[in-house]
Amino acid sequence: MAMTMTQKLYDMVKDFPESEIAEILDFAEFLREKRRSENIELASDELLIELKGGLESSLVLAGDPAKIQETLRNEWN
């Protein structure tokens, strides 16, 4: 019967002292956080790509950029 990687890892560390198991756990948590942060970065990049070109036909942002900026600034007065 073939052992899974999880079973192999368990069999290898089950007799380790608690201090070494704590190190392994710290490393596993580091890897999980690294994977999570990479997934978040990928997701945010994908979201930004989806927005690309979304304002090309905007009536609000059509025209002279300096005039648009002036209009937006004047909204605060």
PDB file of N, CA and C in Angstrom:
ATOM      1  N   MET A   1       0.842  -1.188   0.000  1.00  0.00           N
ATOM      2  CA  MET A   1       0.000   0.000   0.000  1.00  0.00           C
ATOM      3  C   MET A   1       0.890   1.255   0.000  1.00  0.00           C
ATOM      4  N   ALA A   2       0.648   2.134  -0.940  1.00  0.00           N
ATOM      5  CA  ALA A   2       1.441   3.358  -1.045  1.00  0.00           C
ATOM      6  C   ALA A   2       1.045   4.349   0.041  1.00  0.00           C
ATOM      7  N   MET A   3       2.055   4.945   0.623  1.00  0.00           N
ATOM      8  CA  MET A   3       1.798   5.942   1.671  1.00  0.00           C
ATOM      9  C   MET A   3       1.670   7.323   1.035  1.00  0.00           C
ATOM     10  N   THR A   4       0.784   8.107   1.578  1.00  0.00           N
ATOM     11  CA  THR A   4       0.664   9.482   1.110  1.00  0.00           C
ATOM     12  C   THR A   4       1.802  10.307   1.697  1.00  0.00           C
ATOM     13  N   MET A   5       2.033  11.453   1.136  1.00  0.00           N
ATOM     14  CA  MET A   5       3.070  12.349   1.650  1.00  0.00           C
ATOM     15  C   MET A   5       2.758  12.746   3.091  1.00  0.00           C
ATOM     16  N   THR A   6       1.490  12.950   3.378  1.00  0.00           N
ATOM     17  CA  THR A   6       1.087  13.307   4.735  1.00  0.00           C
ATOM     18  C   THR A   6       1.453  12.196   5.710  1.00  0.00           C
ATOM     19  N   GLN A   7       1.190  10.964   5.331  1.00  0.00           N
ATOM     20  CA  GLN A   7       1.514   9.824   6.186  1.00  0.00           C
ATOM     21  C   GLN A   7       3.022   9.682   6.361  1.00  0.00           C
ATOM     22  N   LYS A   8       3.780   9.886   5.273  1.00  0.00           N
ATOM     23  CA  LYS A   8       5.239   9.816   5.360  1.00  0.00           C
ATOM     24  C   LYS A   8       5.777  10.870   6.320  1.00  0.00           C
ATOM     25  N   LEU A   9       5.237  12.073   6.218  1.00  0.00           N
ATOM     26  CA  LEU A   9       5.671  13.148   7.114  1.00  0.00           C
ATOM     27  C   LEU A   9       5.348  12.801   8.559  1.00  0.00           C
ATOM     28  N   TYR A  10       4.143  12.343   8.801  1.00  0.00           N
ATOM     29  CA  TYR A  10       3.739  11.959  10.153  1.00  0.00           C
ATOM     30  C   TYR A  10       4.642  10.863  10.710  1.00  0.00           C
ATOM     31  N   ASP A  11       4.883   9.822   9.921  1.00  0.00           N
ATOM     32  CA  ASP A  11       5.722   8.716  10.378  1.00  0.00           C
ATOM     33  C   ASP A  11       7.141   9.182  10.697  1.00  0.00           C
ATOM     34  N   MET A  12       7.615  10.153   9.936  1.00  0.00           N
ATOM     35  CA  MET A  12       8.970  10.633  10.148  1.00  0.00           C
ATOM     36  C   MET A  12       9.091  11.454  11.438  1.00  0.00           C
ATOM     37  N   VAL A  13       8.087  12.272  11.741  1.00  0.00           N
ATOM     38  CA  VAL A  13       8.225  13.214  12.855  1.00  0.00           C
ATOM     39  C   VAL A  13       7.521  12.778  14.134  1.00  0.00           C
ATOM     40  N   LYS A  14       6.788  11.705  14.120  1.00  0.00           N
ATOM     41  CA  LYS A  14       5.967  11.345  15.279  1.00  0.00           C
ATOM     42  C   LYS A  14       6.787  11.110  16.544  1.00  0.00           C
ATOM     43  N   ASP A  15       8.046  10.717  16.400  1.00  0.00           N
ATOM     44  CA  ASP A  15       8.884  10.473  17.571  1.00  0.00           C
ATOM     45  C   ASP A  15       9.873  11.608  17.851  1.00  0.00           C
ATOM     46  N   PHE A  16       9.750  12.705  17.116  1.00  0.00           N
ATOM     47  CA  PHE A  16      10.633  13.851  17.354  1.00  0.00           C
ATOM     48  C   PHE A  16      10.285  14.496  18.693  1.00  0.00           C
ATOM     49  N   PRO A  17      11.245  15.178  19.299  1.00  0.00           N
ATOM     50  CA  PRO A  17      10.933  15.945  20.509  1.00  0.00           C
ATOM     51  C   PRO A  17      10.018  17.123  20.160  1.00  0.00           C
ATOM     52  N   GLU A  18       9.265  17.571  21.150  1.00  0.00           N
ATOM     53  CA  GLU A  18       8.304  18.669  20.935  1.00  0.00           C
ATOM     54  C   GLU A  18       8.962  19.906  20.327  1.00  0.00           C
ATOM     55  N   SER A  19      10.183  20.227  20.745  1.00  0.00           N
ATOM     56  CA  SER A  19      10.849  21.432  20.233  1.00  0.00           C
ATOM     57  C   SER A  19      11.072  21.345  18.724  1.00  0.00           C
ATOM     58  N   GLU A  20      11.428  20.161  18.233  1.00  0.00           N
ATOM     59  CA  GLU A  20      11.634  19.999  16.790  1.00  0.00           C
ATOM     60  C   GLU A  20      10.299  19.980  16.037  1.00  0.00           C
ATOM     61  N   ILE A  21       9.277  19.419  16.643  1.00  0.00           N
ATOM     62  CA  ILE A  21       7.947  19.448  16.030  1.00  0.00           C
ATOM     63  C   ILE A  21       7.456  20.885  15.932  1.00  0.00           C
ATOM     64  N   ALA A  22       7.763  21.697  16.954  1.00  0.00           N
ATOM     65  CA  ALA A  22       7.380  23.114  16.918  1.00  0.00           C
ATOM     66  C   ALA A  22       8.060  23.832  15.756  1.00  0.00           C
ATOM     67  N   GLU A  23       9.324  23.490  15.490  1.00  0.00           N
ATOM     68  CA  GLU A  23      10.027  24.098  14.347  1.00  0.00           C
ATOM     69  C   GLU A  23       9.363  23.708  13.031  1.00  0.00           C
ATOM     70  N   ILE A  24       9.003  22.445  12.915  1.00  0.00           N
ATOM     71  CA  ILE A  24       8.343  21.964  11.694  1.00  0.00           C
ATOM     72  C   ILE A  24       6.999  22.666  11.517  1.00  0.00           C
ATOM     73  N   LEU A  25       6.273  22.819  12.616  1.00  0.00           N
ATOM     74  CA  LEU A  25       4.984  23.509  12.566  1.00  0.00           C
ATOM     75  C   LEU A  25       5.159  24.966  12.158  1.00  0.00           C
ATOM     76  N   ASP A  26       6.166  25.633  12.716  1.00  0.00           N
ATOM     77  CA  ASP A  26       6.441  27.022  12.323  1.00  0.00           C
ATOM     78  C   ASP A  26       6.711  27.126  10.827  1.00  0.00           C
ATOM     79  N   PHE A  27       7.494  26.187  10.314  1.00  0.00           N
ATOM     80  CA  PHE A  27       7.809  26.203   8.884  1.00  0.00           C
ATOM     81  C   PHE A  27       6.561  25.958   8.038  1.00  0.00           C
ATOM     82  N   ALA A  28       5.726  25.017   8.473  1.00  0.00           N
ATOM     83  CA  ALA A  28       4.487  24.736   7.744  1.00  0.00           C
ATOM     84  C   ALA A  28       3.572  25.957   7.736  1.00  0.00           C
ATOM     85  N   GLU A  29       3.497  26.658   8.857  1.00  0.00           N
ATOM     86  CA  GLU A  29       2.675  27.874   8.912  1.00  0.00           C
ATOM     87  C   GLU A  29       3.243  28.956   8.003  1.00  0.00           C
ATOM     88  N   PHE A  30       4.572  29.056   7.948  1.00  0.00           N
ATOM     89  CA  PHE A  30       5.215  30.001   7.035  1.00  0.00           C
ATOM     90  C   PHE A  30       4.837  29.690   5.588  1.00  0.00           C
ATOM     91  N   LEU A  31       4.911  28.401   5.219  1.00  0.00           N
ATOM     92  CA  LEU A  31       4.562  28.014   3.846  1.00  0.00           C
ATOM     93  C   LEU A  31       3.096  28.303   3.531  1.00  0.00           C
ATOM     94  N   ARG A  32       2.216  28.046   4.492  1.00  0.00           N
ATOM     95  CA  ARG A  32       0.790  28.320   4.273  1.00  0.00           C
ATOM     96  C   ARG A  32       0.559  29.809   4.070  1.00  0.00           C
ATOM     97  N   GLU A  33       1.198  30.649   4.887  1.00  0.00           N
ATOM     98  CA  GLU A  33       1.031  32.105   4.759  1.00  0.00           C
ATOM     99  C   GLU A  33       1.615  32.599   3.440  1.00  0.00           C
ATOM    100  N   LYS A  34       2.755  32.044   3.037  1.00  0.00           N
ATOM    101  CA  LYS A  34       3.369  32.418   1.765  1.00  0.00           C
ATOM    102  C   LYS A  34       2.439  32.094   0.601  1.00  0.00           C
ATOM    103  N   ARG A  35       1.845  30.899   0.632  1.00  0.00           N
ATOM    104  CA  ARG A  35       0.921  30.502  -0.430  1.00  0.00           C
ATOM    105  C   ARG A  35      -0.309  31.404  -0.443  1.00  0.00           C
ATOM    106  N   ARG A  36      -0.830  31.732   0.750  1.00  0.00           N
ATOM    107  CA  ARG A  36      -2.002  32.601   0.841  1.00  0.00           C
ATOM    108  C   ARG A  36      -1.692  33.989   0.283  1.00  0.00           C
ATOM    109  N   SER A  37      -0.542  34.540   0.641  1.00  0.00           N
ATOM    110  CA  SER A  37      -0.208  35.879   0.156  1.00  0.00           C
ATOM    111  C   SER A  37       0.041  35.876  -1.352  1.00  0.00           C
ATOM    112  N   GLU A  38       0.624  34.805  -1.887  1.00  0.00           N
ATOM    113  CA  GLU A  38       0.813  34.710  -3.339  1.00  0.00           C
ATOM    114  C   GLU A  38      -0.533  34.638  -4.048  1.00  0.00           C
ATOM    115  N   ASN A  39      -1.485  33.914  -3.469  1.00  0.00           N
ATOM    116  CA  ASN A  39      -2.823  33.816  -4.062  1.00  0.00           C
ATOM    117  C   ASN A  39      -3.519  35.161  -4.038  1.00  0.00           C
ATOM    118  N   ILE A  40      -3.340  35.918  -2.958  1.00  0.00           N
ATOM    119  CA  ILE A  40      -3.951  37.252  -2.869  1.00  0.00           C
ATOM    120  C   ILE A  40      -3.351  38.165  -3.923  1.00  0.00           C
ATOM    121  N   GLU A  41      -2.012  38.115  -4.088  1.00  0.00           N
ATOM    122  CA  GLU A  41      -1.370  38.947  -5.098  1.00  0.00           C
ATOM    123  C   GLU A  41      -1.866  38.595  -6.488  1.00  0.00           C
ATOM    124  N   LEU A  42      -1.974  37.311  -6.779  1.00  0.00           N
ATOM    125  CA  LEU A  42      -2.488  36.886  -8.082  1.00  0.00           C
ATOM    126  C   LEU A  42      -3.907  37.390  -8.299  1.00  0.00           C
ATOM    127  N   ALA A  43      -4.742  37.263  -7.278  1.00  0.00           N
ATOM    128  CA  ALA A  43      -6.135  37.693  -7.398  1.00  0.00           C
ATOM    129  C   ALA A  43      -6.209  39.193  -7.623  1.00  0.00           C
ATOM    130  N   SER A  44      -5.405  39.977  -6.897  1.00  0.00           N
ATOM    131  CA  SER A  44      -5.487  41.430  -7.063  1.00  0.00           C
ATOM    132  C   SER A  44      -4.977  41.842  -8.438  1.00  0.00           C
ATOM    133  N   ASP A  45      -3.933  41.174  -8.942  1.00  0.00           N
ATOM    134  CA  ASP A  45      -3.450  41.470 -10.292  1.00  0.00           C
ATOM    135  C   ASP A  45      -4.525  41.155 -11.323  1.00  0.00           C
ATOM    136  N   GLU A  46      -5.216  40.035 -11.145  1.00  0.00           N
ATOM    137  CA  GLU A  46      -6.272  39.659 -12.080  1.00  0.00           C
ATOM    138  C   GLU A  46      -7.407  40.681 -12.041  1.00  0.00           C
ATOM    139  N   LEU A  47      -7.743  41.182 -10.843  1.00  0.00           N
ATOM    140  CA  LEU A  47      -8.796  42.186 -10.739  1.00  0.00           C
ATOM    141  C   LEU A  47      -8.390  43.470 -11.444  1.00  0.00           C
ATOM    142  N   LEU A  48      -7.143  43.882 -11.291  1.00  0.00           N
ATOM    143  CA  LEU A  48      -6.681  45.094 -11.963  1.00  0.00           C
ATOM    144  C   LEU A  48      -6.719  44.937 -13.479  1.00  0.00           C
ATOM    145  N   ILE A  49      -6.333  43.770 -13.954  1.00  0.00           N
ATOM    146  CA  ILE A  49      -6.356  43.525 -15.396  1.00  0.00           C
ATOM    147  C   ILE A  49      -7.787  43.601 -15.930  1.00  0.00           C
ATOM    148  N   GLU A  50      -8.742  43.114 -15.142  1.00  0.00           N
ATOM    149  CA  GLU A  50     -10.137  43.169 -15.568  1.00  0.00           C
ATOM    150  C   GLU A  50     -10.628  44.607 -15.706  1.00  0.00           C
ATOM    151  N   LEU A  51     -10.047  45.539 -14.945  1.00  0.00           N
ATOM    152  CA  LEU A  51     -10.468  46.939 -14.997  1.00  0.00           C
ATOM    153  C   LEU A  51      -9.817  47.712 -16.137  1.00  0.00           C
ATOM    154  N   LYS A  52      -8.785  47.163 -16.721  1.00  0.00           N
ATOM    155  CA  LYS A  52      -8.044  47.843 -17.778  1.00  0.00           C
ATOM    156  C   LYS A  52      -8.982  48.265 -18.910  1.00  0.00           C
ATOM    157  N   GLY A  53      -8.916  49.537 -19.238  1.00  0.00           N
ATOM    158  CA  GLY A  53      -9.701  50.057 -20.345  1.00  0.00           C
ATOM    159  C   GLY A  53     -11.170  50.263 -20.037  1.00  0.00           C
ATOM    160  N   GLY A  54     -11.556  50.111 -18.801  1.00  0.00           N
ATOM    161  CA  GLY A  54     -12.965  50.216 -18.439  1.00  0.00           C
ATOM    162  C   GLY A  54     -13.538  51.615 -18.506  1.00  0.00           C
ATOM    163  N   LEU A  55     -12.675  52.633 -18.570  1.00  0.00           N
ATOM    164  CA  LEU A  55     -13.168  54.014 -18.585  1.00  0.00           C
ATOM    165  C   LEU A  55     -12.970  54.695 -19.939  1.00  0.00           C
ATOM    166  N   GLU A  56     -12.611  53.923 -20.936  1.00  0.00           N
ATOM    167  CA  GLU A  56     -12.367  54.507 -22.256  1.00  0.00           C
ATOM    168  C   GLU A  56     -13.577  55.238 -22.813  1.00  0.00           C
ATOM    169  N   SER A  57     -14.764  54.746 -22.547  1.00  0.00           N
ATOM    170  CA  SER A  57     -15.968  55.370 -23.095  1.00  0.00           C
ATOM    171  C   SER A  57     -16.716  56.200 -22.046  1.00  0.00           C
ATOM    172  N   SER A  58     -16.038  56.533 -20.961  1.00  0.00           N
ATOM    173  CA  SER A  58     -16.672  57.304 -19.897  1.00  0.00           C
ATOM    174  C   SER A  58     -16.925  58.742 -20.350  1.00  0.00           C
ATOM    175  N   LEU A  59     -18.154  59.195 -20.196  1.00  0.00           N
ATOM    176  CA  LEU A  59     -18.472  60.585 -20.531  1.00  0.00           C
ATOM    177  C   LEU A  59     -17.879  61.547 -19.512  1.00  0.00           C
ATOM    178  N   VAL A  60     -17.775  61.105 -18.275  1.00  0.00           N
ATOM    179  CA  VAL A  60     -17.229  61.947 -17.212  1.00  0.00           C
ATOM    180  C   VAL A  60     -15.753  62.238 -17.444  1.00  0.00           C
ATOM    181  N   LEU A  61     -15.014  61.265 -17.966  1.00  0.00           N
ATOM    182  CA  LEU A  61     -13.581  61.437 -18.159  1.00  0.00           C
ATOM    183  C   LEU A  61     -13.200  61.739 -19.603  1.00  0.00           C
ATOM    184  N   ALA A  62     -14.172  62.067 -20.436  1.00  0.00           N
ATOM    185  CA  ALA A  62     -13.879  62.421 -21.826  1.00  0.00           C
ATOM    186  C   ALA A  62     -13.461  63.884 -21.883  1.00  0.00           C
ATOM    187  N   GLY A  63     -12.522  64.199 -22.723  1.00  0.00           N
ATOM    188  CA  GLY A  63     -12.125  65.586 -22.915  1.00  0.00           C
ATOM    189  C   GLY A  63     -10.712  65.859 -22.434  1.00  0.00           C
ATOM    190  N   ASP A  64     -10.440  67.140 -22.236  1.00  0.00           N
ATOM    191  CA  ASP A  64      -9.114  67.611 -21.847  1.00  0.00           C
ATOM    192  C   ASP A  64      -8.783  67.187 -20.415  1.00  0.00           C
ATOM    193  N   PRO A  65      -7.685  66.475 -20.212  1.00  0.00           N
ATOM    194  CA  PRO A  65      -7.340  66.009 -18.865  1.00  0.00           C
ATOM    195  C   PRO A  65      -7.173  67.142 -17.850  1.00  0.00           C
ATOM    196  N   ALA A  66      -6.603  68.274 -18.278  1.00  0.00           N
ATOM    197  CA  ALA A  66      -6.415  69.400 -17.363  1.00  0.00           C
ATOM    198  C   ALA A  66      -7.771  69.960 -16.914  1.00  0.00           C
ATOM    199  N   LYS A  67      -8.721  70.033 -17.836  1.00  0.00           N
ATOM    200  CA  LYS A  67     -10.066  70.531 -17.512  1.00  0.00           C
ATOM    201  C   LYS A  67     -10.781  69.564 -16.558  1.00  0.00           C
ATOM    202  N   ILE A  68     -10.615  68.274 -16.799  1.00  0.00           N
ATOM    203  CA  ILE A  68     -11.229  67.272 -15.919  1.00  0.00           C
ATOM    204  C   ILE A  68     -10.658  67.405 -14.515  1.00  0.00           C
ATOM    205  N   GLN A  69      -9.338  67.567 -14.429  1.00  0.00           N
ATOM    206  CA  GLN A  69      -8.686  67.709 -13.124  1.00  0.00           C
ATOM    207  C   GLN A  69      -9.172  68.967 -12.404  1.00  0.00           C
ATOM    208  N   GLU A  70      -9.300  70.037 -13.135  1.00  0.00           N
ATOM    209  CA  GLU A  70      -9.803  71.289 -12.549  1.00  0.00           C
ATOM    210  C   GLU A  70     -11.233  71.105 -12.019  1.00  0.00           C
ATOM    211  N   THR A  71     -12.063  70.448 -12.793  1.00  0.00           N
ATOM    212  CA  THR A  71     -13.447  70.195 -12.386  1.00  0.00           C
ATOM    213  C   THR A  71     -13.497  69.366 -11.112  1.00  0.00           C
ATOM    214  N   LEU A  72     -12.678  68.327 -11.064  1.00  0.00           N
ATOM    215  CA  LEU A  72     -12.642  67.470  -9.885  1.00  0.00           C
ATOM    216  C   LEU A  72     -12.144  68.245  -8.657  1.00  0.00           C
ATOM    217  N   ARG A  73     -11.144  69.079  -8.854  1.00  0.00           N
ATOM    218  CA  ARG A  73     -10.636  69.906  -7.737  1.00  0.00           C
ATOM    219  C   ARG A  73     -11.708  70.853  -7.228  1.00  0.00           C
ATOM    220  N   ASN A  74     -12.472  71.438  -8.137  1.00  0.00           N
ATOM    221  CA  ASN A  74     -13.487  72.418  -7.767  1.00  0.00           C
ATOM    222  C   ASN A  74     -14.656  71.793  -7.007  1.00  0.00           C
ATOM    223  N   GLU A  75     -14.812  70.487  -7.103  1.00  0.00           N
ATOM    224  CA  GLU A  75     -15.873  69.825  -6.352  1.00  0.00           C
ATOM    225  C   GLU A  75     -15.681  69.988  -4.855  1.00  0.00           C
ATOM    226  N   TRP A  76     -14.456  70.205  -4.412  1.00  0.00           N
ATOM    227  CA  TRP A  76     -14.170  70.329  -2.980  1.00  0.00           C
ATOM    228  C   TRP A  76     -14.371  71.749  -2.461  1.00  0.00           C
ATOM    229  N   ASN A  77     -14.609  72.691  -3.328  1.00  0.00           N
ATOM    230  CA  ASN A  77     -14.815  74.098  -2.874  1.00  0.00           C
ATOM    231  C   ASN A  77     -16.237  74.363  -2.503  1.00  0.00           C
TER     232      ASN A  77
END
